[in-house]
Every structure is written in structure tokens, then in C-alpha cells.
Amino acid sequence: MNEEDLIDYPIRINRYLELKGVATRRGADDLIAEGLVLVNGKTAVLGYKVNKNDKVEVSPKAGIKEKTFEYFAFYKPRGIVTHSPQEDEREISDLTKRKDIFPLGRLDKESEGLILLTNDGRITDRLLNPKYEHEKEYEVEVKEKVSPMHKKILEGGVISLREMLKAKHVEITGPSTMTILLTEGKKHQIRRMLDGAHLTVKSLKRVRVMNIKLGKLRSGEWRAIGGQELKDFLAMLY
């Protein structure tokens, strides 16, 4: 990712260094306090605001290596948890064997499908904050027969636990199947919405996050996101 796409100048130097992948904001403050950061050849000070034409350097004494960001599409199987596994539960890293990447968002244990993995914490808020209205698409099968009235209820909104839960779009694809499009991601949202519409989930699979599709991935498989697909994804985020 081109870090310049994330930077809105002038910007506080600790945030600048965070976006450059050098350190967290607190870590950047420590580097600045130790005199290990230069701006235009002069020792930086805490709170300095970097302008676009400033030259920012970190001393080799800091031992900082430039971070390479990675992005993956992963097919989470049913029965795998995305966060805080209990003693008898398996998590995504048990399958990927990677402890340096983490899931963006959640997909509950009994659901399956696409979840994005990365080591780039900079994009977490941009992807998950509902105010940005990024689309997530789900294929759902229920035990009951689906009717146009169910579509109307789900698109109109269901109140659950004092929250309004609403689908951006619902497409009925079969007698008991539908595709649901969300732009928010509240806990167990689809299951709660369907419960409010008196429908019982039989299977729930996420098949798309923005422009990233599950495609031909099989359960437990994952692939790197790169090239034009990654460029488009990051451009949509910002």
C-alpha cells in the first residue's frame, strides 16, 4: 500500500510514523523523546506537524525495519472462532500457522466464509466502522420458506436488544435461501435480524467484503490479495 494515500497533511509526527509502519503512536513518541527522529535534518520534537515536503528520518540506532504489509482472503470453516478462543476451541491461526496476521472483524463460530486477514492495523477502522458503509454480502439458508414479506421486514429494519438492525438489500434466491447485503456489522446481526423476522438460520456464509470475493476458495483455504484487486480495495477504503 502507498502510505501517502493515508496521509492528510499537515499531520502529527507520531501519527505520520504510525502510518509509515515505523511504530505505534506511543512508540513513535518514545523515539522522538530519545532524539532518534529527524525532520529536515533537525531533531524532531513531540507534537510537531509534518508537512508534505518535509524529510522525516529515523536514526539507524532505533533498530527499526520497514514493515511489509500483507493482506489475505481466508475461508473460515464452521466451528472456528475468530477471537478469544476458549480452551477447547480452535482459531484461525491454528489453520494458517501465522501469528503475525489477524482477522479484520468477526464471523461467529457457527458461520463460515470470507474473512480478511492482515498485519496492517491502519485499515481496521476504515473497514469496520459502519459510517463508511462498506458492503458485506452473505448467502443464507433458513429452515422456513422465505416470502416477500420477510424481505420487506429485513430491509425495513428489526429492533433487537434496543438496536435497529437493517439490511441494505435482500434478494430471495430460492424457497428457503436468500442473499443479504449489509453495510454495518453488529454482533450476530444477521442471526438477530432473521430471528426478528421469525426465520431460523440453517447455514450462513459470507461471500464478499467490498470487492474481495470468496470465489473458489474452499473451507480452510486462503490466498494473498494483491495486484489490481488490492489497489481497488484500498482505494475503496480511502
C-alpha atoms as a PDB file:
ATOM      1  CA  MET A   1       0.000   0.000   0.000  1.00  0.00           C
ATOM      2  CA  ASN A   2       1.199   3.515  -0.733  1.00  0.00           C
ATOM      3  CA  GLU A   3       1.214   5.196   2.677  1.00  0.00           C
ATOM      4  CA  GLU A   4       0.754   8.602   1.056  1.00  0.00           C
ATOM      5  CA  ASP A   5      -2.842   7.585   0.300  1.00  0.00           C
ATOM      6  CA  LEU A   6      -3.494   7.563   4.044  1.00  0.00           C
ATOM      7  CA  ILE A   7      -1.838  10.844   4.961  1.00  0.00           C
ATOM      8  CA  ASP A   8      -3.696  14.125   5.198  1.00  0.00           C
ATOM      9  CA  TYR A   9      -1.085  16.865   5.688  1.00  0.00           C
ATOM     10  CA  PRO A  10      -0.219  18.540   7.968  1.00  0.00           C
ATOM     11  CA  ILE A  11      -0.164  15.560  10.336  1.00  0.00           C
ATOM     12  CA  ARG A  12       1.236  14.962  13.812  1.00  0.00           C
ATOM     13  CA  ILE A  13       4.596  13.267  13.583  1.00  0.00           C
ATOM     14  CA  ASN A  14       3.656  10.299  15.756  1.00  0.00           C
ATOM     15  CA  ARG A  15       0.656   9.546  13.524  1.00  0.00           C
ATOM     16  CA  TYR A  16       2.857  10.025  10.451  1.00  0.00           C
ATOM     17  CA  LEU A  17       5.321   7.428  11.734  1.00  0.00           C
ATOM     18  CA  GLU A  18       2.461   5.081  12.588  1.00  0.00           C
ATOM     19  CA  LEU A  19       1.055   5.287   9.063  1.00  0.00           C
ATOM     20  CA  LYS A  20       4.532   4.686   7.676  1.00  0.00           C
ATOM     21  CA  GLY A  21       4.654   1.440   9.638  1.00  0.00           C
ATOM     22  CA  VAL A  22       7.570   2.609  11.785  1.00  0.00           C
ATOM     23  CA  ALA A  23       5.927   2.307  15.210  1.00  0.00           C
ATOM     24  CA  THR A  24       2.723   2.790  17.143  1.00  0.00           C
ATOM     25  CA  ARG A  25       1.974   6.375  18.138  1.00  0.00           C
ATOM     26  CA  ARG A  26       3.254   5.726  21.649  1.00  0.00           C
ATOM     27  CA  GLY A  27       6.334   4.016  20.248  1.00  0.00           C
ATOM     28  CA  ALA A  28       6.887   6.953  17.908  1.00  0.00           C
ATOM     29  CA  ASP A  29       6.687   9.361  20.859  1.00  0.00           C
ATOM     30  CA  ASP A  30       9.387   7.324  22.585  1.00  0.00           C
ATOM     31  CA  LEU A  31      11.630   7.506  19.513  1.00  0.00           C
ATOM     32  CA  ILE A  32      11.108  11.275  19.310  1.00  0.00           C
ATOM     33  CA  ALA A  33      11.799  11.742  23.030  1.00  0.00           C
ATOM     34  CA  GLU A  34      15.049   9.808  22.620  1.00  0.00           C
ATOM     35  CA  GLY A  35      16.128  12.130  19.798  1.00  0.00           C
ATOM     36  CA  LEU A  36      16.043   9.371  17.191  1.00  0.00           C
ATOM     37  CA  VAL A  37      13.786  11.168  14.697  1.00  0.00           C
ATOM     38  CA  LEU A  38      14.906  13.987  12.413  1.00  0.00           C
ATOM     39  CA  VAL A  39      12.790  16.379  10.356  1.00  0.00           C
ATOM     40  CA  ASN A  40      14.687  18.205   7.624  1.00  0.00           C
ATOM     41  CA  GLY A  41      17.923  17.304   9.367  1.00  0.00           C
ATOM     42  CA  LYS A  42      16.891  18.633  12.787  1.00  0.00           C
ATOM     43  CA  THR A  43      15.860  16.674  15.861  1.00  0.00           C
ATOM     44  CA  ALA A  44      12.098  16.339  15.939  1.00  0.00           C
ATOM     45  CA  VAL A  45      10.004  17.449  18.905  1.00  0.00           C
ATOM     46  CA  LEU A  46       6.836  15.919  20.309  1.00  0.00           C
ATOM     47  CA  GLY A  47       3.691  17.290  18.703  1.00  0.00           C
ATOM     48  CA  TYR A  48       5.440  18.542  15.535  1.00  0.00           C
ATOM     49  CA  LYS A  49       3.186  18.539  12.474  1.00  0.00           C
ATOM     50  CA  VAL A  50       4.735  17.098   9.335  1.00  0.00           C
ATOM     51  CA  ASN A  51       4.107  18.816   6.006  1.00  0.00           C
ATOM     52  CA  LYS A  52       4.166  17.056   2.654  1.00  0.00           C
ATOM     53  CA  ASN A  53       7.610  18.313   1.631  1.00  0.00           C
ATOM     54  CA  ASP A  54       9.285  17.594   4.982  1.00  0.00           C
ATOM     55  CA  LYS A  55      12.004  14.961   5.052  1.00  0.00           C
ATOM     56  CA  VAL A  56      11.477  12.656   8.038  1.00  0.00           C
ATOM     57  CA  GLU A  57      14.234  10.241   9.033  1.00  0.00           C
ATOM     58  CA  VAL A  58      14.576   7.694  11.815  1.00  0.00           C
ATOM     59  CA  SER A  59      18.074   7.046  13.132  1.00  0.00           C
ATOM     60  CA  PRO A  60      19.550   3.582  12.439  1.00  0.00           C
ATOM     61  CA  LYS A  61      20.172   3.432  16.182  1.00  0.00           C
ATOM     62  CA  ALA A  62      16.439   2.903  16.631  1.00  0.00           C
ATOM     63  CA  GLY A  63      16.786  -0.533  15.032  1.00  0.00           C
ATOM     64  CA  ILE A  64      13.551  -0.043  13.084  1.00  0.00           C
ATOM     65  CA  LYS A  65      12.980  -2.093   9.952  1.00  0.00           C
ATOM     66  CA  GLU A  66      10.415  -1.029   7.380  1.00  0.00           C
ATOM     67  CA  LYS A  67       7.295  -3.152   7.738  1.00  0.00           C
ATOM     68  CA  THR A  68       5.833  -5.060   4.819  1.00  0.00           C
ATOM     69  CA  PHE A  69       2.053  -5.191   4.922  1.00  0.00           C
ATOM     70  CA  GLU A  70       0.210  -8.320   3.800  1.00  0.00           C
ATOM     71  CA  TYR A  71      -3.464  -8.975   3.024  1.00  0.00           C
ATOM     72  CA  PHE A  72      -5.247 -12.317   2.648  1.00  0.00           C
ATOM     73  CA  ALA A  73      -8.697 -13.725   1.886  1.00  0.00           C
ATOM     74  CA  PHE A  74      -9.476 -16.701   4.125  1.00  0.00           C
ATOM     75  CA  TYR A  75     -12.389 -19.145   4.066  1.00  0.00           C
ATOM     76  CA  LYS A  76     -13.245 -19.594   7.729  1.00  0.00           C
ATOM     77  CA  PRO A  77     -14.809 -23.006   8.332  1.00  0.00           C
ATOM     78  CA  ARG A  78     -17.722 -23.530  10.689  1.00  0.00           C
ATOM     79  CA  GLY A  79     -16.560 -24.302  14.212  1.00  0.00           C
ATOM     80  CA  ILE A  80     -13.535 -21.981  14.045  1.00  0.00           C
ATOM     81  CA  VAL A  81     -13.574 -18.818  16.164  1.00  0.00           C
ATOM     82  CA  THR A  82     -12.093 -15.505  15.065  1.00  0.00           C
ATOM     83  CA  HIS A  83     -11.309 -14.037  18.505  1.00  0.00           C
ATOM     84  CA  SER A  84     -10.662 -15.117  22.107  1.00  0.00           C
ATOM     85  CA  PRO A  85     -10.878 -18.922  21.776  1.00  0.00           C
ATOM     86  CA  GLN A  86     -11.753 -20.951  24.843  1.00  0.00           C
ATOM     87  CA  GLU A  87      -9.632 -23.891  25.907  1.00  0.00           C
ATOM     88  CA  ASP A  88     -11.414 -26.396  23.667  1.00  0.00           C
ATOM     89  CA  GLU A  89     -11.808 -24.104  20.641  1.00  0.00           C
ATOM     90  CA  ARG A  90      -9.699 -23.655  17.522  1.00  0.00           C
ATOM     91  CA  GLU A  91      -8.904 -20.265  15.984  1.00  0.00           C
ATOM     92  CA  ILE A  92      -7.819 -19.124  12.543  1.00  0.00           C
ATOM     93  CA  SER A  93      -4.102 -19.127  13.360  1.00  0.00           C
ATOM     94  CA  ASP A  94      -4.358 -22.861  14.102  1.00  0.00           C
ATOM     95  CA  LEU A  95      -5.078 -23.310  10.396  1.00  0.00           C
ATOM     96  CA  THR A  96      -2.867 -20.612   8.877  1.00  0.00           C
ATOM     97  CA  LYS A  97       0.068 -21.214  11.270  1.00  0.00           C
ATOM     98  CA  ARG A  98       0.560 -17.433  11.212  1.00  0.00           C
ATOM     99  CA  LYS A  99       0.593 -15.482  14.477  1.00  0.00           C
ATOM    100  CA  ASP A 100       1.637 -12.225  12.776  1.00  0.00           C
ATOM    101  CA  ILE A 101      -1.633 -11.642  10.937  1.00  0.00           C
ATOM    102  CA  PHE A 102      -5.070 -11.051  12.418  1.00  0.00           C
ATOM    103  CA  PRO A 103      -8.701 -11.135  11.244  1.00  0.00           C
ATOM    104  CA  LEU A 104     -10.442  -7.902  10.302  1.00  0.00           C
ATOM    105  CA  GLY A 105     -13.769  -8.098  12.057  1.00  0.00           C
ATOM    106  CA  ARG A 106     -15.609 -11.176  13.225  1.00  0.00           C
ATOM    107  CA  LEU A 107     -17.522 -14.112  11.842  1.00  0.00           C
ATOM    108  CA  ASP A 108     -19.283 -16.120  14.520  1.00  0.00           C
ATOM    109  CA  LYS A 109     -18.319 -19.700  15.279  1.00  0.00           C
ATOM    110  CA  GLU A 110     -21.258 -21.340  13.517  1.00  0.00           C
ATOM    111  CA  SER A 111     -20.924 -19.168  10.398  1.00  0.00           C
ATOM    112  CA  GLU A 112     -18.465 -19.710   7.568  1.00  0.00           C
ATOM    113  CA  GLY A 113     -16.969 -17.903   4.646  1.00  0.00           C
ATOM    114  CA  LEU A 114     -14.805 -14.935   3.839  1.00  0.00           C
ATOM    115  CA  ILE A 115     -12.773 -13.104   6.425  1.00  0.00           C
ATOM    116  CA  LEU A 116      -9.851 -10.817   5.653  1.00  0.00           C
ATOM    117  CA  LEU A 117      -6.504 -11.319   7.374  1.00  0.00           C
ATOM    118  CA  THR A 118      -3.697  -8.764   7.573  1.00  0.00           C
ATOM    119  CA  ASN A 119      -0.873  -7.318   9.647  1.00  0.00           C
ATOM    120  CA  ASP A 120      -1.988  -3.792   8.721  1.00  0.00           C
ATOM    121  CA  GLY A 121      -3.809  -2.329  11.693  1.00  0.00           C
ATOM    122  CA  ARG A 122      -4.136   1.022   9.927  1.00  0.00           C
ATOM    123  CA  ILE A 123      -7.125  -0.121   7.892  1.00  0.00           C
ATOM    124  CA  THR A 124      -9.163  -1.657  10.738  1.00  0.00           C
ATOM    125  CA  ASP A 125     -11.337   1.368  11.485  1.00  0.00           C
ATOM    126  CA  ARG A 126     -11.813   2.264   7.827  1.00  0.00           C
ATOM    127  CA  LEU A 127     -13.105  -1.221   7.067  1.00  0.00           C
ATOM    128  CA  LEU A 128     -15.189  -1.910  10.166  1.00  0.00           C
ATOM    129  CA  ASN A 129     -16.635   1.480  11.127  1.00  0.00           C
ATOM    130  CA  PRO A 130     -20.269   1.434   9.893  1.00  0.00           C
ATOM    131  CA  LYS A 131     -20.151   5.125   8.975  1.00  0.00           C
ATOM    132  CA  TYR A 132     -18.134   4.211   5.864  1.00  0.00           C
ATOM    133  CA  GLU A 133     -20.906   1.838   4.686  1.00  0.00           C
ATOM    134  CA  HIS A 134     -18.653  -0.805   3.141  1.00  0.00           C
ATOM    135  CA  GLU A 135     -20.642  -3.724   1.739  1.00  0.00           C
ATOM    136  CA  LYS A 136     -20.542  -7.295   3.040  1.00  0.00           C
ATOM    137  CA  GLU A 137     -22.545  -9.992   1.281  1.00  0.00           C
ATOM    138  CA  TYR A 138     -23.939 -13.183   2.816  1.00  0.00           C
ATOM    139  CA  GLU A 139     -25.652 -16.299   1.478  1.00  0.00           C
ATOM    140  CA  VAL A 140     -28.249 -17.579   3.942  1.00  0.00           C
ATOM    141  CA  GLU A 141     -30.371 -20.695   4.121  1.00  0.00           C
ATOM    142  CA  VAL A 142     -33.224 -20.866   6.636  1.00  0.00           C
ATOM    143  CA  LYS A 143     -35.487 -23.690   7.802  1.00  0.00           C
ATOM    144  CA  GLU A 144     -38.673 -21.900   6.798  1.00  0.00           C
ATOM    145  CA  LYS A 145     -39.996 -20.755   3.433  1.00  0.00           C
ATOM    146  CA  VAL A 146     -38.928 -17.201   2.567  1.00  0.00           C
ATOM    147  CA  SER A 147     -41.555 -14.721   1.363  1.00  0.00           C
ATOM    148  CA  PRO A 148     -41.518 -11.146   0.017  1.00  0.00           C
ATOM    149  CA  MET A 149     -42.791 -10.077   3.442  1.00  0.00           C
ATOM    150  CA  HIS A 150     -39.551 -11.333   5.012  1.00  0.00           C
ATOM    151  CA  LYS A 151     -37.568  -9.270   2.526  1.00  0.00           C
ATOM    152  CA  LYS A 152     -39.613  -6.202   3.448  1.00  0.00           C
ATOM    153  CA  ILE A 153     -39.060  -6.771   7.169  1.00  0.00           C
ATOM    154  CA  LEU A 154     -35.289  -7.259   6.854  1.00  0.00           C
ATOM    155  CA  GLU A 155     -34.827  -4.211   4.617  1.00  0.00           C
ATOM    156  CA  GLY A 156     -37.157  -2.108   6.761  1.00  0.00           C
ATOM    157  CA  GLY A 157     -35.316  -2.959   9.956  1.00  0.00           C
ATOM    158  CA  VAL A 158     -35.662  -5.164  13.020  1.00  0.00           C
ATOM    159  CA  ILE A 159     -35.190  -3.971  16.594  1.00  0.00           C
ATOM    160  CA  SER A 160     -33.068  -6.345  18.684  1.00  0.00           C
ATOM    161  CA  LEU A 161     -31.562  -5.578  22.090  1.00  0.00           C
ATOM    162  CA  ARG A 162     -32.576  -1.926  21.593  1.00  0.00           C
ATOM    163  CA  GLU A 163     -30.648  -1.737  18.313  1.00  0.00           C
ATOM    164  CA  MET A 164     -32.083  -1.160  14.854  1.00  0.00           C
ATOM    165  CA  LEU A 165     -30.710  -3.813  12.509  1.00  0.00           C
ATOM    166  CA  LYS A 166     -31.279  -3.294   8.809  1.00  0.00           C
ATOM    167  CA  ALA A 167     -30.163  -4.960   5.579  1.00  0.00           C
ATOM    168  CA  LYS A 168     -29.152  -2.748   2.681  1.00  0.00           C
ATOM    169  CA  HIS A 169     -30.644  -5.257   0.264  1.00  0.00           C
ATOM    170  CA  VAL A 170     -32.189  -8.730   0.369  1.00  0.00           C
ATOM    171  CA  GLU A 171     -32.563 -10.968  -2.664  1.00  0.00           C
ATOM    172  CA  ILE A 172     -34.645 -14.121  -2.411  1.00  0.00           C
ATOM    173  CA  THR A 173     -32.746 -16.806  -4.348  1.00  0.00           C
ATOM    174  CA  GLY A 174     -34.805 -19.921  -3.584  1.00  0.00           C
ATOM    175  CA  PRO A 175     -37.662 -21.279  -1.459  1.00  0.00           C
ATOM    176  CA  SER A 176     -35.524 -21.088   1.695  1.00  0.00           C
ATOM    177  CA  THR A 177     -32.450 -19.142   0.556  1.00  0.00           C
ATOM    178  CA  MET A 178     -31.520 -15.501   0.195  1.00  0.00           C
ATOM    179  CA  THR A 179     -28.609 -13.142  -0.264  1.00  0.00           C
ATOM    180  CA  ILE A 180     -28.289 -10.398   2.341  1.00  0.00           C
ATOM    181  CA  LEU A 181     -26.210  -7.253   1.876  1.00  0.00           C
ATOM    182  CA  LEU A 182     -25.048  -5.330   4.961  1.00  0.00           C
ATOM    183  CA  THR A 183     -23.147  -2.090   5.429  1.00  0.00           C
ATOM    184  CA  GLU A 184     -22.838  -2.481   9.193  1.00  0.00           C
ATOM    185  CA  GLY A 185     -21.543  -5.336  11.284  1.00  0.00           C
ATOM    186  CA  LYS A 186     -23.163  -5.569  14.683  1.00  0.00           C
ATOM    187  CA  LYS A 187     -22.669  -8.711  16.748  1.00  0.00           C
ATOM    188  CA  HIS A 188     -24.625 -11.681  15.341  1.00  0.00           C
ATOM    189  CA  GLN A 189     -26.507  -9.167  13.218  1.00  0.00           C
ATOM    190  CA  ILE A 190     -27.955 -11.463  10.559  1.00  0.00           C
ATOM    191  CA  ARG A 191     -28.982 -14.135  13.061  1.00  0.00           C
ATOM    192  CA  ARG A 192     -30.701 -11.498  15.203  1.00  0.00           C
ATOM    193  CA  MET A 193     -32.425  -9.954  12.199  1.00  0.00           C
ATOM    194  CA  LEU A 194     -33.697 -13.299  10.997  1.00  0.00           C
ATOM    195  CA  ASP A 195     -34.887 -14.183  14.472  1.00  0.00           C
ATOM    196  CA  GLY A 196     -36.838 -10.927  14.493  1.00  0.00           C
ATOM    197  CA  ALA A 197     -38.401 -11.958  11.170  1.00  0.00           C
ATOM    198  CA  HIS A 198     -39.280 -15.393  12.645  1.00  0.00           C
ATOM    199  CA  LEU A 199     -36.748 -17.219  10.465  1.00  0.00           C
ATOM    200  CA  THR A 200     -34.273 -19.855  11.697  1.00  0.00           C
ATOM    201  CA  VAL A 201     -30.744 -19.971  10.267  1.00  0.00           C
ATOM    202  CA  LYS A 202     -29.711 -23.280   8.765  1.00  0.00           C
ATOM    203  CA  SER A 203     -26.480 -22.033   7.202  1.00  0.00           C
ATOM    204  CA  LEU A 204     -24.788 -18.652   6.936  1.00  0.00           C
ATOM    205  CA  LYS A 205     -21.848 -17.892   4.656  1.00  0.00           C
ATOM    206  CA  ARG A 206     -20.128 -14.583   3.908  1.00  0.00           C
ATOM    207  CA  VAL A 207     -19.123 -14.475   0.249  1.00  0.00           C
ATOM    208  CA  ARG A 208     -17.895 -10.908  -0.262  1.00  0.00           C
ATOM    209  CA  VAL A 209     -16.328  -7.987   1.583  1.00  0.00           C
ATOM    210  CA  MET A 210     -16.364  -4.901  -0.647  1.00  0.00           C
ATOM    211  CA  ASN A 211     -14.598  -6.014  -3.847  1.00  0.00           C
ATOM    212  CA  ILE A 212     -12.932  -9.076  -2.274  1.00  0.00           C
ATOM    213  CA  LYS A 213     -14.850 -12.266  -3.116  1.00  0.00           C
ATOM    214  CA  LEU A 214     -14.687 -15.728  -1.602  1.00  0.00           C
ATOM    215  CA  GLY A 215     -14.617 -17.119  -5.121  1.00  0.00           C
ATOM    216  CA  LYS A 216     -13.320 -20.663  -5.483  1.00  0.00           C
ATOM    217  CA  LEU A 217     -11.695 -20.876  -2.066  1.00  0.00           C
ATOM    218  CA  ARG A 218     -12.635 -23.985  -0.145  1.00  0.00           C
ATOM    219  CA  SER A 219     -13.174 -24.219   3.579  1.00  0.00           C
ATOM    220  CA  GLY A 220      -9.861 -23.626   5.379  1.00  0.00           C
ATOM    221  CA  GLU A 221      -8.081 -22.281   2.285  1.00  0.00           C
ATOM    222  CA  TRP A 222      -6.615 -18.802   1.915  1.00  0.00           C
ATOM    223  CA  ARG A 223      -4.970 -16.668  -0.734  1.00  0.00           C
ATOM    224  CA  ALA A 224      -2.960 -13.464  -0.920  1.00  0.00           C
ATOM    225  CA  ILE A 225      -4.708 -10.294  -2.069  1.00  0.00           C
ATOM    226  CA  GLY A 226      -2.545  -8.267  -4.431  1.00  0.00           C
ATOM    227  CA  GLY A 227      -2.301  -6.504  -7.752  1.00  0.00           C
ATOM    228  CA  GLN A 228      -5.297  -4.564  -9.028  1.00  0.00           C
ATOM    229  CA  GLU A 229      -7.622  -6.291  -6.555  1.00  0.00           C
ATOM    230  CA  LEU A 230      -5.634  -4.858  -3.644  1.00  0.00           C
ATOM    231  CA  LYS A 231      -5.337  -1.429  -5.263  1.00  0.00           C
ATOM    232  CA  ASP A 232      -9.097  -1.292  -5.770  1.00  0.00           C
ATOM    233  CA  PHE A 233      -9.751  -2.480  -2.192  1.00  0.00           C
ATOM    234  CA  LEU A 234      -7.508   0.173  -0.661  1.00  0.00           C
ATOM    235  CA  ALA A 235      -8.882   2.883  -2.943  1.00  0.00           C
ATOM    236  CA  MET A 236     -12.417   1.997  -1.821  1.00  0.00           C
ATOM    237  CA  LEU A 237     -11.328   2.256   1.811  1.00  0.00           C
ATOM    238  CA  TYR A 238      -9.974   5.777   1.349  1.00  0.00           C
END
